[in-house]
Amino acid sequence: MLEYLLRMMLLLPLVGGLAFGSLWLMKRFQLGIPGSATQTRSVQIIEILPVGAGSKLAVVEFGGKQHLLSINRNGVVPIASDDRGDFDAD
């Protein structure tokens, strides 16, 4: 029984350290799905502005146009879109 407890006292911190180290390395080097780093995204977040509890305004670029979106707990609502950068309400 003493031998079993000694093994556990030695191996448990070792396994925990290996798990912690692998998670740290993954976060440090941003390892992800192979091949995903070469892909470009078609949607880019330009800016996000919090306007209240659980509500935000976001400017996203998609298809060469910028879109102003209202984001809240109920969903996402498009407010305006423009390809020149000056927004006009729809």
PDB file of N, CA and C in Angstrom:
ATOM      1  N   MET A   1       0.817  -1.191   0.000  1.00  0.00           N
ATOM      2  CA  MET A   1       0.000   0.000   0.000  1.00  0.00           C
ATOM      3  C   MET A   1       0.865   1.262   0.000  1.00  0.00           C
ATOM      4  N   LEU A   2       1.963   1.225   0.737  1.00  0.00           N
ATOM      5  CA  LEU A   2       2.870   2.368   0.800  1.00  0.00           C
ATOM      6  C   LEU A   2       3.496   2.634  -0.569  1.00  0.00           C
ATOM      7  N   GLU A   3       3.832   1.548  -1.273  1.00  0.00           N
ATOM      8  CA  GLU A   3       4.418   1.691  -2.609  1.00  0.00           C
ATOM      9  C   GLU A   3       3.425   2.369  -3.560  1.00  0.00           C
ATOM     10  N   TYR A   4       2.155   2.015  -3.481  1.00  0.00           N
ATOM     11  CA  TYR A   4       1.121   2.606  -4.322  1.00  0.00           C
ATOM     12  C   TYR A   4       0.984   4.106  -4.041  1.00  0.00           C
ATOM     13  N   LEU A   5       0.962   4.490  -2.773  1.00  0.00           N
ATOM     14  CA  LEU A   5       0.848   5.897  -2.415  1.00  0.00           C
ATOM     15  C   LEU A   5       2.062   6.698  -2.870  1.00  0.00           C
ATOM     16  N   LEU A   6       3.237   6.120  -2.770  1.00  0.00           N
ATOM     17  CA  LEU A   6       4.442   6.810  -3.246  1.00  0.00           C
ATOM     18  C   LEU A   6       4.406   7.018  -4.753  1.00  0.00           C
ATOM     19  N   ARG A   7       3.941   6.033  -5.490  1.00  0.00           N
ATOM     20  CA  ARG A   7       3.814   6.177  -6.942  1.00  0.00           C
ATOM     21  C   ARG A   7       2.825   7.279  -7.281  1.00  0.00           C
ATOM     22  N   MET A   8       1.680   7.294  -6.592  1.00  0.00           N
ATOM     23  CA  MET A   8       0.667   8.315  -6.845  1.00  0.00           C
ATOM     24  C   MET A   8       1.189   9.705  -6.528  1.00  0.00           C
ATOM     25  N   MET A   9       1.943   9.827  -5.430  1.00  0.00           N
ATOM     26  CA  MET A   9       2.499  11.125  -5.053  1.00  0.00           C
ATOM     27  C   MET A   9       3.522  11.611  -6.076  1.00  0.00           C
ATOM     28  N   LEU A  10       4.159  10.712  -6.772  1.00  0.00           N
ATOM     29  CA  LEU A  10       5.142  11.071  -7.779  1.00  0.00           C
ATOM     30  C   LEU A  10       4.482  11.313  -9.142  1.00  0.00           C
ATOM     31  N   LEU A  11       3.567  10.452  -9.543  1.00  0.00           N
ATOM     32  CA  LEU A  11       2.998  10.528 -10.880  1.00  0.00           C
ATOM     33  C   LEU A  11       1.889  11.567 -11.033  1.00  0.00           C
ATOM     34  N   LEU A  12       1.108  11.810  -9.997  1.00  0.00           N
ATOM     35  CA  LEU A  12       0.022  12.775 -10.099  1.00  0.00           C
ATOM     36  C   LEU A  12       0.519  14.193 -10.410  1.00  0.00           C
ATOM     37  N   PRO A  13       1.522  14.711  -9.699  1.00  0.00           N
ATOM     38  CA  PRO A  13       2.038  16.034 -10.076  1.00  0.00           C
ATOM     39  C   PRO A  13       2.699  16.030 -11.468  1.00  0.00           C
ATOM     40  N   LEU A  14       3.287  14.912 -11.849  1.00  0.00           N
ATOM     41  CA  LEU A  14       3.907  14.821 -13.166  1.00  0.00           C
ATOM     42  C   LEU A  14       2.864  14.933 -14.271  1.00  0.00           C
ATOM     43  N   VAL A  15       1.775  14.199 -14.139  1.00  0.00           N
ATOM     44  CA  VAL A  15       0.705  14.245 -15.146  1.00  0.00           C
ATOM     45  C   VAL A  15       0.047  15.625 -15.147  1.00  0.00           C
ATOM     46  N   GLY A  16      -0.190  16.193 -13.986  1.00  0.00           N
ATOM     47  CA  GLY A  16      -0.761  17.542 -13.909  1.00  0.00           C
ATOM     48  C   GLY A  16       0.147  18.581 -14.534  1.00  0.00           C
ATOM     49  N   GLY A  17       1.447  18.458 -14.297  1.00  0.00           N
ATOM     50  CA  GLY A  17       2.414  19.380 -14.894  1.00  0.00           C
ATOM     51  C   GLY A  17       2.455  19.256 -16.410  1.00  0.00           C
ATOM     52  N   LEU A  18       2.371  18.032 -16.919  1.00  0.00           N
ATOM     53  CA  LEU A  18       2.354  17.838 -18.369  1.00  0.00           C
ATOM     54  C   LEU A  18       1.097  18.442 -18.992  1.00  0.00           C
ATOM     55  N   ALA A  19      -0.045  18.283 -18.346  1.00  0.00           N
ATOM     56  CA  ALA A  19      -1.287  18.867 -18.855  1.00  0.00           C
ATOM     57  C   ALA A  19      -1.204  20.391 -18.846  1.00  0.00           C
ATOM     58  N   PHE A  20      -0.735  20.967 -17.743  1.00  0.00           N
ATOM     59  CA  PHE A  20      -0.595  22.412 -17.652  1.00  0.00           C
ATOM     60  C   PHE A  20       0.405  22.929 -18.690  1.00  0.00           C
ATOM     61  N   GLY A  21       1.523  22.236 -18.847  1.00  0.00           N
ATOM     62  CA  GLY A  21       2.535  22.657 -19.814  1.00  0.00           C
ATOM     63  C   GLY A  21       2.040  22.609 -21.249  1.00  0.00           C
ATOM     64  N   SER A  22       1.286  21.581 -21.591  1.00  0.00           N
ATOM     65  CA  SER A  22       0.774  21.494 -22.961  1.00  0.00           C
ATOM     66  C   SER A  22      -0.250  22.591 -23.231  1.00  0.00           C
ATOM     67  N   LEU A  23      -1.102  22.912 -22.254  1.00  0.00           N
ATOM     68  CA  LEU A  23      -2.054  24.010 -22.432  1.00  0.00           C
ATOM     69  C   LEU A  23      -1.340  25.355 -22.531  1.00  0.00           C
ATOM     70  N   TRP A  24      -0.294  25.545 -21.746  1.00  0.00           N
ATOM     71  CA  TRP A  24       0.473  26.779 -21.801  1.00  0.00           C
ATOM     72  C   TRP A  24       1.153  26.939 -23.158  1.00  0.00           C
ATOM     73  N   LEU A  25       1.747  25.853 -23.660  1.00  0.00           N
ATOM     74  CA  LEU A  25       2.393  25.917 -24.975  1.00  0.00           C
ATOM     75  C   LEU A  25       1.376  26.189 -26.081  1.00  0.00           C
ATOM     76  N   MET A  26       0.210  25.590 -25.983  1.00  0.00           N
ATOM     77  CA  MET A  26      -0.815  25.803 -26.994  1.00  0.00           C
ATOM     78  C   MET A  26      -1.259  27.262 -27.007  1.00  0.00           C
ATOM     79  N   LYS A  27      -1.419  27.857 -25.836  1.00  0.00           N
ATOM     80  CA  LYS A  27      -1.804  29.262 -25.766  1.00  0.00           C
ATOM     81  C   LYS A  27      -0.660  30.160 -26.214  1.00  0.00           C
ATOM     82  N   ARG A  28       0.545  29.807 -25.828  1.00  0.00           N
ATOM     83  CA  ARG A  28       1.719  30.633 -26.162  1.00  0.00           C
ATOM     84  C   ARG A  28       1.979  30.693 -27.655  1.00  0.00           C
ATOM     85  N   PHE A  29       1.864  29.587 -28.341  1.00  0.00           N
ATOM     86  CA  PHE A  29       2.182  29.531 -29.755  1.00  0.00           C
ATOM     87  C   PHE A  29       0.948  29.551 -30.643  1.00  0.00           C
ATOM     88  N   GLN A  30      -0.251  29.686 -30.043  1.00  0.00           N
ATOM     89  CA  GLN A  30      -1.495  29.781 -30.788  1.00  0.00           C
ATOM     90  C   GLN A  30      -1.642  28.644 -31.792  1.00  0.00           C
ATOM     91  N   LEU A  31      -1.413  27.447 -31.320  1.00  0.00           N
ATOM     92  CA  LEU A  31      -1.566  26.288 -32.185  1.00  0.00           C
ATOM     93  C   LEU A  31      -3.040  26.062 -32.446  1.00  0.00           C
ATOM     94  N   GLY A  32      -3.371  25.806 -33.680  1.00  0.00           N
ATOM     95  CA  GLY A  32      -4.764  25.592 -34.014  1.00  0.00           C
ATOM     96  C   GLY A  32      -4.875  24.527 -35.080  1.00  0.00           C
ATOM     97  N   ILE A  33      -5.886  24.644 -35.891  1.00  0.00           N
ATOM     98  CA  ILE A  33      -6.099  23.689 -36.955  1.00  0.00           C
ATOM     99  C   ILE A  33      -5.057  23.920 -38.039  1.00  0.00           C
ATOM    100  N   PRO A  34      -4.364  22.879 -38.479  1.00  0.00           N
ATOM    101  CA  PRO A  34      -3.359  23.067 -39.527  1.00  0.00           C
ATOM    102  C   PRO A  34      -3.997  23.605 -40.802  1.00  0.00           C
ATOM    103  N   GLY A  35      -3.341  24.586 -41.403  1.00  0.00           N
ATOM    104  CA  GLY A  35      -3.838  25.164 -42.639  1.00  0.00           C
ATOM    105  C   GLY A  35      -4.756  26.334 -42.435  1.00  0.00           C
ATOM    106  N   SER A  36      -5.202  26.598 -41.213  1.00  0.00           N
ATOM    107  CA  SER A  36      -6.138  27.698 -40.992  1.00  0.00           C
ATOM    108  C   SER A  36      -5.436  29.053 -41.005  1.00  0.00           C
ATOM    109  N   ALA A  37      -4.142  29.079 -40.773  1.00  0.00           N
ATOM    110  CA  ALA A  37      -3.420  30.347 -40.743  1.00  0.00           C
ATOM    111  C   ALA A  37      -3.273  30.943 -42.135  1.00  0.00           C
ATOM    112  N   THR A  38      -3.318  30.123 -43.176  1.00  0.00           N
ATOM    113  CA  THR A  38      -3.143  30.632 -44.521  1.00  0.00           C
ATOM    114  C   THR A  38      -4.444  31.153 -45.112  1.00  0.00           C
ATOM    115  N   GLN A  39      -5.577  30.833 -44.506  1.00  0.00           N
ATOM    116  CA  GLN A  39      -6.855  31.276 -45.034  1.00  0.00           C
ATOM    117  C   GLN A  39      -7.119  32.708 -44.588  1.00  0.00           C
ATOM    118  N   THR A  40      -7.685  33.515 -45.492  1.00  0.00           N
ATOM    119  CA  THR A  40      -8.073  34.863 -45.123  1.00  0.00           C
ATOM    120  C   THR A  40      -9.563  34.878 -44.816  1.00  0.00           C
ATOM    121  N   ARG A  41      -9.943  35.733 -43.926  1.00  0.00           N
ATOM    122  CA  ARG A  41     -11.343  35.813 -43.523  1.00  0.00           C
ATOM    123  C   ARG A  41     -12.067  36.825 -44.404  1.00  0.00           C
ATOM    124  N   SER A  42     -13.297  36.501 -44.741  1.00  0.00           N
ATOM    125  CA  SER A  42     -14.084  37.402 -45.572  1.00  0.00           C
ATOM    126  C   SER A  42     -14.806  38.457 -44.736  1.00  0.00           C
ATOM    127  N   VAL A  43     -14.870  38.273 -43.429  1.00  0.00           N
ATOM    128  CA  VAL A  43     -15.505  39.237 -42.530  1.00  0.00           C
ATOM    129  C   VAL A  43     -14.453  39.727 -41.551  1.00  0.00           C
ATOM    130  N   GLN A  44     -14.330  41.048 -41.416  1.00  0.00           N
ATOM    131  CA  GLN A  44     -13.384  41.631 -40.471  1.00  0.00           C
ATOM    132  C   GLN A  44     -14.125  42.580 -39.543  1.00  0.00           C
ATOM    133  N   ILE A  45     -13.822  42.506 -38.265  1.00  0.00           N
ATOM    134  CA  ILE A  45     -14.399  43.428 -37.292  1.00  0.00           C
ATOM    135  C   ILE A  45     -13.525  44.676 -37.278  1.00  0.00           C
ATOM    136  N   ILE A  46     -14.116  45.807 -37.611  1.00  0.00           N
ATOM    137  CA  ILE A  46     -13.378  47.063 -37.647  1.00  0.00           C
ATOM    138  C   ILE A  46     -13.354  47.704 -36.263  1.00  0.00           C
ATOM    139  N   GLU A  47     -14.520  47.788 -35.623  1.00  0.00           N
ATOM    140  CA  GLU A  47     -14.597  48.432 -34.315  1.00  0.00           C
ATOM    141  C   GLU A  47     -15.851  47.963 -33.579  1.00  0.00           C
ATOM    142  N   ILE A  48     -15.751  47.882 -32.255  1.00  0.00           N
ATOM    143  CA  ILE A  48     -16.899  47.542 -31.403  1.00  0.00           C
ATOM    144  C   ILE A  48     -16.989  48.600 -30.315  1.00  0.00           C
ATOM    145  N   LEU A  49     -18.208  49.132 -30.106  1.00  0.00           N
ATOM    146  CA  LEU A  49     -18.432  50.157 -29.103  1.00  0.00           C
ATOM    147  C   LEU A  49     -19.549  49.717 -28.165  1.00  0.00           C
ATOM    148  N   PRO A  50     -19.250  49.490 -26.876  1.00  0.00           N
ATOM    149  CA  PRO A  50     -20.312  49.150 -25.928  1.00  0.00           C
ATOM    150  C   PRO A  50     -21.178  50.381 -25.671  1.00  0.00           C
ATOM    151  N   VAL A  51     -22.493  50.229 -25.733  1.00  0.00           N
ATOM    152  CA  VAL A  51     -23.395  51.364 -25.516  1.00  0.00           C
ATOM    153  C   VAL A  51     -24.310  51.170 -24.312  1.00  0.00           C
ATOM    154  N   GLY A  52     -24.252  50.053 -23.666  1.00  0.00           N
ATOM    155  CA  GLY A  52     -25.076  49.814 -22.488  1.00  0.00           C
ATOM    156  C   GLY A  52     -24.871  48.401 -21.991  1.00  0.00           C
ATOM    157  N   ALA A  53     -25.672  48.028 -21.009  1.00  0.00           N
ATOM    158  CA  ALA A  53     -25.565  46.693 -20.439  1.00  0.00           C
ATOM    159  C   ALA A  53     -26.030  45.659 -21.460  1.00  0.00           C
ATOM    160  N   GLY A  54     -25.101  44.920 -22.022  1.00  0.00           N
ATOM    161  CA  GLY A  54     -25.431  43.876 -22.977  1.00  0.00           C
ATOM    162  C   GLY A  54     -25.688  44.370 -24.387  1.00  0.00           C
ATOM    163  N   SER A  55     -25.435  45.649 -24.682  1.00  0.00           N
ATOM    164  CA  SER A  55     -25.664  46.196 -26.021  1.00  0.00           C
ATOM    165  C   SER A  55     -24.363  46.774 -26.579  1.00  0.00           C
ATOM    166  N   LYS A  56     -24.146  46.553 -27.864  1.00  0.00           N
ATOM    167  CA  LYS A  56     -22.934  47.046 -28.528  1.00  0.00           C
ATOM    168  C   LYS A  56     -23.275  47.485 -29.940  1.00  0.00           C
ATOM    169  N   LEU A  57     -22.487  48.398 -30.462  1.00  0.00           N
ATOM    170  CA  LEU A  57     -22.508  48.743 -31.869  1.00  0.00           C
ATOM    171  C   LEU A  57     -21.218  48.210 -32.467  1.00  0.00           C
ATOM    172  N   ALA A  58     -21.322  47.579 -33.626  1.00  0.00           N
ATOM    173  CA  ALA A  58     -20.147  47.010 -34.263  1.00  0.00           C
ATOM    174  C   ALA A  58     -20.092  47.431 -35.725  1.00  0.00           C
ATOM    175  N   VAL A  59     -18.899  47.747 -36.181  1.00  0.00           N
ATOM    176  CA  VAL A  59     -18.664  48.012 -37.595  1.00  0.00           C
ATOM    177  C   VAL A  59     -17.877  46.829 -38.126  1.00  0.00           C
ATOM    178  N   VAL A  60     -18.448  46.140 -39.114  1.00  0.00           N
ATOM    179  CA  VAL A  60     -17.782  45.002 -39.731  1.00  0.00           C
ATOM    180  C   VAL A  60     -17.650  45.263 -41.226  1.00  0.00           C
ATOM    181  N   GLU A  61     -16.605  44.705 -41.807  1.00  0.00           N
ATOM    182  CA  GLU A  61     -16.398  44.840 -43.246  1.00  0.00           C
ATOM    183  C   GLU A  61     -16.643  43.498 -43.902  1.00  0.00           C
ATOM    184  N   PHE A  62     -17.482  43.510 -44.930  1.00  0.00           N
ATOM    185  CA  PHE A  62     -17.816  42.288 -45.646  1.00  0.00           C
ATOM    186  C   PHE A  62     -18.105  42.646 -47.092  1.00  0.00           C
ATOM    187  N   GLY A  63     -17.461  41.986 -48.006  1.00  0.00           N
ATOM    188  CA  GLY A  63     -17.702  42.192 -49.427  1.00  0.00           C
ATOM    189  C   GLY A  63     -17.361  43.592 -49.898  1.00  0.00           C
ATOM    190  N   GLY A  64     -16.346  44.216 -49.313  1.00  0.00           N
ATOM    191  CA  GLY A  64     -15.957  45.560 -49.706  1.00  0.00           C
ATOM    192  C   GLY A  64     -16.824  46.654 -49.124  1.00  0.00           C
ATOM    193  N   LYS A  65     -17.794  46.314 -48.312  1.00  0.00           N
ATOM    194  CA  LYS A  65     -18.668  47.290 -47.676  1.00  0.00           C
ATOM    195  C   LYS A  65     -18.513  47.213 -46.172  1.00  0.00           C
ATOM    196  N   GLN A  66     -18.752  48.335 -45.524  1.00  0.00           N
ATOM    197  CA  GLN A  66     -18.779  48.369 -44.072  1.00  0.00           C
ATOM    198  C   GLN A  66     -20.225  48.364 -43.618  1.00  0.00           C
ATOM    199  N   HIS A  67     -20.506  47.574 -42.593  1.00  0.00           N
ATOM    200  CA  HIS A  67     -21.865  47.429 -42.080  1.00  0.00           C
ATOM    201  C   HIS A  67     -21.869  47.803 -40.600  1.00  0.00           C
ATOM    202  N   LEU A  68     -22.840  48.617 -40.203  1.00  0.00           N
ATOM    203  CA  LEU A  68     -23.033  48.980 -38.809  1.00  0.00           C
ATOM    204  C   LEU A  68     -24.114  48.065 -38.239  1.00  0.00           C
ATOM    205  N   LEU A  69     -23.773  47.342 -37.167  1.00  0.00           N
ATOM    206  CA  LEU A  69     -24.678  46.363 -36.574  1.00  0.00           C
ATOM    207  C   LEU A  69     -24.953  46.712 -35.119  1.00  0.00           C
ATOM    208  N   SER A  70     -26.176  46.469 -34.688  1.00  0.00           N
ATOM    209  CA  SER A  70     -26.535  46.575 -33.285  1.00  0.00           C
ATOM    210  C   SER A  70     -26.562  45.154 -32.724  1.00  0.00           C
ATOM    211  N   ILE A  71     -25.802  44.943 -31.652  1.00  0.00           N
ATOM    212  CA  ILE A  71     -25.704  43.614 -31.046  1.00  0.00           C
ATOM    213  C   ILE A  71     -26.220  43.720 -29.612  1.00  0.00           C
ATOM    214  N   ASN A  72     -27.236  42.912 -29.292  1.00  0.00           N
ATOM    215  CA  ASN A  72     -27.747  42.872 -27.929  1.00  0.00           C
ATOM    216  C   ASN A  72     -28.136  41.448 -27.580  1.00  0.00           C
ATOM    217  N   ARG A  73     -28.780  41.282 -26.451  1.00  0.00           N
ATOM    218  CA  ARG A  73     -29.121  39.931 -25.989  1.00  0.00           C
ATOM    219  C   ARG A  73     -30.146  39.254 -26.881  1.00  0.00           C
ATOM    220  N   ASN A  74     -30.931  40.031 -27.602  1.00  0.00           N
ATOM    221  CA  ASN A  74     -31.975  39.468 -28.455  1.00  0.00           C
ATOM    222  C   ASN A  74     -31.477  39.073 -29.835  1.00  0.00           C
ATOM    223  N   GLY A  75     -30.307  39.559 -30.236  1.00  0.00           N
ATOM    224  CA  GLY A  75     -29.778  39.204 -31.543  1.00  0.00           C
ATOM    225  C   GLY A  75     -28.963  40.329 -32.153  1.00  0.00           C
ATOM    226  N   VAL A  76     -28.764  40.223 -33.471  1.00  0.00           N
ATOM    227  CA  VAL A  76     -27.982  41.183 -34.235  1.00  0.00           C
ATOM    228  C   VAL A  76     -28.913  41.843 -35.249  1.00  0.00           C
ATOM    229  N   VAL A  77     -28.897  43.175 -35.285  1.00  0.00           N
ATOM    230  CA  VAL A  77     -29.766  43.926 -36.192  1.00  0.00           C
ATOM    231  C   VAL A  77     -28.895  44.843 -37.050  1.00  0.00           C
ATOM    232  N   PRO A  78     -28.993  44.737 -38.385  1.00  0.00           N
ATOM    233  CA  PRO A  78     -28.229  45.661 -39.228  1.00  0.00           C
ATOM    234  C   PRO A  78     -28.856  47.054 -39.170  1.00  0.00           C
ATOM    235  N   ILE A  79     -28.009  48.074 -39.036  1.00  0.00           N
ATOM    236  CA  ILE A  79     -28.494  49.446 -38.951  1.00  0.00           C
ATOM    237  C   ILE A  79     -28.223  50.186 -40.257  1.00  0.00           C
ATOM    238  N   ALA A  80     -26.991  50.101 -40.755  1.00  0.00           N
ATOM    239  CA  ALA A  80     -26.637  50.822 -41.975  1.00  0.00           C
ATOM    240  C   ALA A  80     -25.483  50.097 -42.648  1.00  0.00           C
ATOM    241  N   SER A  81     -25.311  50.368 -43.949  1.00  0.00           N
ATOM    242  CA  SER A  81     -24.166  49.824 -44.675  1.00  0.00           C
ATOM    243  C   SER A  81     -23.738  50.809 -45.740  1.00  0.00           C
ATOM    244  N   ASP A  82     -22.436  50.813 -46.019  1.00  0.00           N
ATOM    245  CA  ASP A  82     -21.913  51.732 -47.016  1.00  0.00           C
ATOM    246  C   ASP A  82     -20.535  51.236 -47.462  1.00  0.00           C
ATOM    247  N   ASP A  83     -20.198  51.500 -48.720  1.00  0.00           N
ATOM    248  CA  ASP A  83     -18.901  51.083 -49.229  1.00  0.00           C
ATOM    249  C   ASP A  83     -17.886  52.221 -49.206  1.00  0.00           C
ATOM    250  N   ARG A  84     -18.294  53.441 -48.837  1.00  0.00           N
ATOM    251  CA  ARG A  84     -17.382  54.570 -48.794  1.00  0.00           C
ATOM    252  C   ARG A  84     -16.889  54.870 -47.401  1.00  0.00           C
ATOM    253  N   GLY A  85     -17.500  54.300 -46.369  1.00  0.00           N
ATOM    254  CA  GLY A  85     -17.093  54.559 -45.005  1.00  0.00           C
ATOM    255  C   GLY A  85     -17.990  55.557 -44.293  1.00  0.00           C
ATOM    256  N   ASP A  86     -18.843  56.286 -45.055  1.00  0.00           N
ATOM    257  CA  ASP A  86     -19.804  57.210 -44.436  1.00  0.00           C
ATOM    258  C   ASP A  86     -21.147  56.494 -44.387  1.00  0.00           C
ATOM    259  N   PHE A  87     -21.714  56.391 -43.212  1.00  0.00           N
ATOM    260  CA  PHE A  87     -22.937  55.599 -43.060  1.00  0.00           C
ATOM    261  C   PHE A  87     -24.169  56.450 -43.281  1.00  0.00           C
ATOM    262  N   ASP A  88     -25.107  55.901 -44.017  1.00  0.00           N
ATOM    263  CA  ASP A  88     -26.443  56.462 -44.183  1.00  0.00           C
ATOM    264  C   ASP A  88     -27.416  55.419 -43.680  1.00  0.00           C
ATOM    265  N   ALA A  89     -28.399  55.826 -42.894  1.00  0.00           N
ATOM    266  CA  ALA A  89     -29.368  54.866 -42.358  1.00  0.00           C
ATOM    267  C   ALA A  89     -30.165  54.244 -43.490  1.00  0.00           C
ATOM    268  N   ASP A  90     -30.421  52.946 -43.395  1.00  0.00           N
ATOM    269  CA  ASP A  90     -31.206  52.234 -44.406  1.00  0.00           C
ATOM    270  C   ASP A  90     -32.679  52.537 -44.274  1.00  0.00           C
TER     271      ASP A  90
END
